[in-house]
Amino acid sequence: MKKNFRIYGNETHEECLRRESKEEMGMDIKTGDFIGCANRYSYLTNESKYYLSERYF
């Protein structure tokens, strides 16, 4: 199953990272400064479809 990580509402990047870490790993984390984001495009041949994935670091 594919999970999409999203920033909800007025959530900051840092809040999103902390929430996702708690949900996925059960861990409370401290975050540093936001550096940037990257886009990754992929093509699934079995679906004949392109996907865009945004990631923040």
N, C-alpha and C. Protein backbone atom coordinates (compact mmCIF):
# COMPACT_ATOMS: atom_id res chain seq x y z
N MET A 1 0.84 -1.18 0.00
CA MET A 1 0.00 0.00 0.00
C MET A 1 0.89 1.25 0.00
N LYS A 2 0.57 2.19 -0.83
CA LYS A 2 1.33 3.42 -0.97
C LYS A 2 0.72 4.49 -0.06
N LYS A 3 1.56 5.16 0.76
CA LYS A 3 1.08 6.21 1.66
C LYS A 3 1.59 7.54 1.17
N ASN A 4 0.72 8.53 1.14
CA ASN A 4 1.11 9.88 0.76
C ASN A 4 1.28 10.70 2.02
N PHE A 5 2.40 11.40 2.11
CA PHE A 5 2.66 12.28 3.23
C PHE A 5 2.29 13.68 2.79
N ARG A 6 1.44 14.31 3.56
CA ARG A 6 0.93 15.63 3.17
C ARG A 6 0.99 16.62 4.32
N ILE A 7 1.12 17.87 3.95
CA ILE A 7 1.01 18.96 4.91
C ILE A 7 -0.46 19.35 4.94
N TYR A 8 -1.05 19.29 6.11
CA TYR A 8 -2.48 19.57 6.26
C TYR A 8 -2.73 21.01 6.70
N GLY A 9 -3.75 21.64 6.11
CA GLY A 9 -4.20 22.97 6.52
C GLY A 9 -3.09 23.97 6.64
N ASN A 10 -2.99 24.59 7.80
CA ASN A 10 -1.95 25.60 8.06
C ASN A 10 -0.73 25.00 8.74
N GLU A 11 -0.57 23.69 8.66
CA GLU A 11 0.54 22.99 9.30
C GLU A 11 1.87 23.43 8.67
N THR A 12 2.87 23.65 9.50
CA THR A 12 4.21 24.00 8.99
C THR A 12 4.93 22.72 8.59
N HIS A 13 6.04 22.88 7.86
CA HIS A 13 6.86 21.72 7.49
C HIS A 13 7.33 20.98 8.74
N GLU A 14 7.73 21.73 9.75
CA GLU A 14 8.23 21.13 10.98
C GLU A 14 7.12 20.35 11.70
N GLU A 15 5.92 20.93 11.76
CA GLU A 15 4.79 20.24 12.39
C GLU A 15 4.44 18.96 11.63
N CYS A 16 4.49 19.02 10.30
CA CYS A 16 4.22 17.84 9.48
C CYS A 16 5.24 16.74 9.76
N LEU A 17 6.51 17.09 9.82
CA LEU A 17 7.56 16.11 10.08
C LEU A 17 7.38 15.47 11.45
N ARG A 18 7.07 16.27 12.46
CA ARG A 18 6.86 15.72 13.80
C ARG A 18 5.64 14.80 13.83
N ARG A 19 4.54 15.22 13.17
CA ARG A 19 3.32 14.41 13.15
C ARG A 19 3.55 13.09 12.43
N GLU A 20 4.18 13.15 11.25
CA GLU A 20 4.43 11.93 10.48
C GLU A 20 5.37 10.98 11.24
N SER A 21 6.38 11.52 11.92
CA SER A 21 7.29 10.69 12.70
C SER A 21 6.55 9.98 13.83
N LYS A 22 5.63 10.69 14.46
CA LYS A 22 4.83 10.10 15.54
C LYS A 22 3.91 9.02 14.98
N GLU A 23 3.25 9.31 13.84
CA GLU A 23 2.31 8.35 13.24
C GLU A 23 3.02 7.10 12.72
N GLU A 24 4.13 7.27 12.02
CA GLU A 24 4.78 6.17 11.33
C GLU A 24 5.75 5.38 12.21
N MET A 25 6.44 6.08 13.13
CA MET A 25 7.45 5.40 13.93
C MET A 25 7.14 5.39 15.42
N GLY A 26 6.11 6.15 15.82
CA GLY A 26 5.78 6.24 17.23
C GLY A 26 6.80 7.02 18.03
N MET A 27 7.53 7.92 17.34
CA MET A 27 8.61 8.67 17.99
C MET A 27 8.32 10.17 18.00
N ASP A 28 8.61 10.80 19.12
CA ASP A 28 8.60 12.26 19.20
C ASP A 28 10.00 12.73 18.82
N ILE A 29 10.09 13.68 17.88
CA ILE A 29 11.40 14.14 17.42
C ILE A 29 11.51 15.66 17.55
N LYS A 30 12.74 16.13 17.54
CA LYS A 30 13.02 17.56 17.47
C LYS A 30 13.42 17.85 16.03
N THR A 31 13.04 19.01 15.53
CA THR A 31 13.37 19.37 14.15
C THR A 31 14.33 20.54 14.11
N GLY A 32 15.13 20.57 13.06
CA GLY A 32 16.03 21.68 12.82
C GLY A 32 15.39 22.66 11.85
N ASP A 33 16.21 23.49 11.25
CA ASP A 33 15.72 24.48 10.29
C ASP A 33 15.28 23.81 8.99
N PHE A 34 14.26 24.37 8.36
CA PHE A 34 13.79 23.90 7.06
C PHE A 34 14.82 24.27 6.02
N ILE A 35 15.22 23.29 5.18
CA ILE A 35 16.23 23.53 4.16
C ILE A 35 15.59 23.77 2.80
N GLY A 36 14.64 22.92 2.41
CA GLY A 36 14.02 23.06 1.10
C GLY A 36 13.14 21.88 0.76
N CYS A 37 12.77 21.80 -0.50
CA CYS A 37 11.94 20.68 -0.94
C CYS A 37 12.44 20.21 -2.31
N ALA A 38 12.05 18.99 -2.66
CA ALA A 38 12.44 18.41 -3.94
C ALA A 38 11.24 17.71 -4.55
N ASN A 39 11.17 17.74 -5.87
CA ASN A 39 10.12 17.04 -6.60
C ASN A 39 10.73 15.85 -7.32
N ARG A 40 10.03 14.74 -7.25
CA ARG A 40 10.47 13.53 -7.95
C ARG A 40 9.33 13.06 -8.84
N TYR A 41 9.62 12.91 -10.10
CA TYR A 41 8.64 12.43 -11.06
C TYR A 41 8.94 10.96 -11.37
N SER A 42 7.90 10.16 -11.43
CA SER A 42 8.07 8.76 -11.79
C SER A 42 6.96 8.33 -12.73
N TYR A 43 7.25 7.32 -13.48
CA TYR A 43 6.29 6.79 -14.44
C TYR A 43 6.09 5.31 -14.16
N LEU A 44 4.84 4.90 -13.94
CA LEU A 44 4.53 3.50 -13.72
C LEU A 44 4.04 2.90 -15.03
N THR A 45 4.84 2.01 -15.58
CA THR A 45 4.49 1.43 -16.88
C THR A 45 3.23 0.58 -16.82
N ASN A 46 3.00 -0.09 -15.68
CA ASN A 46 1.81 -0.93 -15.59
C ASN A 46 0.52 -0.11 -15.51
N GLU A 47 0.64 1.17 -15.11
CA GLU A 47 -0.53 2.06 -15.05
C GLU A 47 -0.53 3.07 -16.19
N SER A 48 0.58 3.16 -16.91
CA SER A 48 0.77 4.17 -17.96
C SER A 48 0.45 5.57 -17.42
N LYS A 49 1.04 5.87 -16.26
CA LYS A 49 0.71 7.12 -15.57
C LYS A 49 1.95 7.71 -14.91
N TYR A 50 2.05 9.05 -14.93
CA TYR A 50 3.12 9.77 -14.25
C TYR A 50 2.66 10.19 -12.86
N TYR A 51 3.60 10.20 -11.92
CA TYR A 51 3.32 10.64 -10.56
C TYR A 51 4.35 11.68 -10.15
N LEU A 52 3.91 12.64 -9.35
CA LEU A 52 4.79 13.64 -8.77
C LEU A 52 4.80 13.44 -7.26
N SER A 53 6.00 13.33 -6.70
CA SER A 53 6.16 13.21 -5.25
C SER A 53 6.95 14.41 -4.76
N GLU A 54 6.40 15.15 -3.81
CA GLU A 54 7.12 16.26 -3.19
C GLU A 54 7.70 15.78 -1.88
N ARG A 55 8.94 16.14 -1.61
CA ARG A 55 9.59 15.79 -0.35
C ARG A 55 10.23 17.04 0.24
N TYR A 56 10.18 17.12 1.53
CA TYR A 56 10.73 18.28 2.26
C TYR A 56 11.88 17.83 3.14
N PHE A 57 12.92 18.66 3.20
CA PHE A 57 14.08 18.34 4.03
C PHE A 57 14.65 19.60 4.64
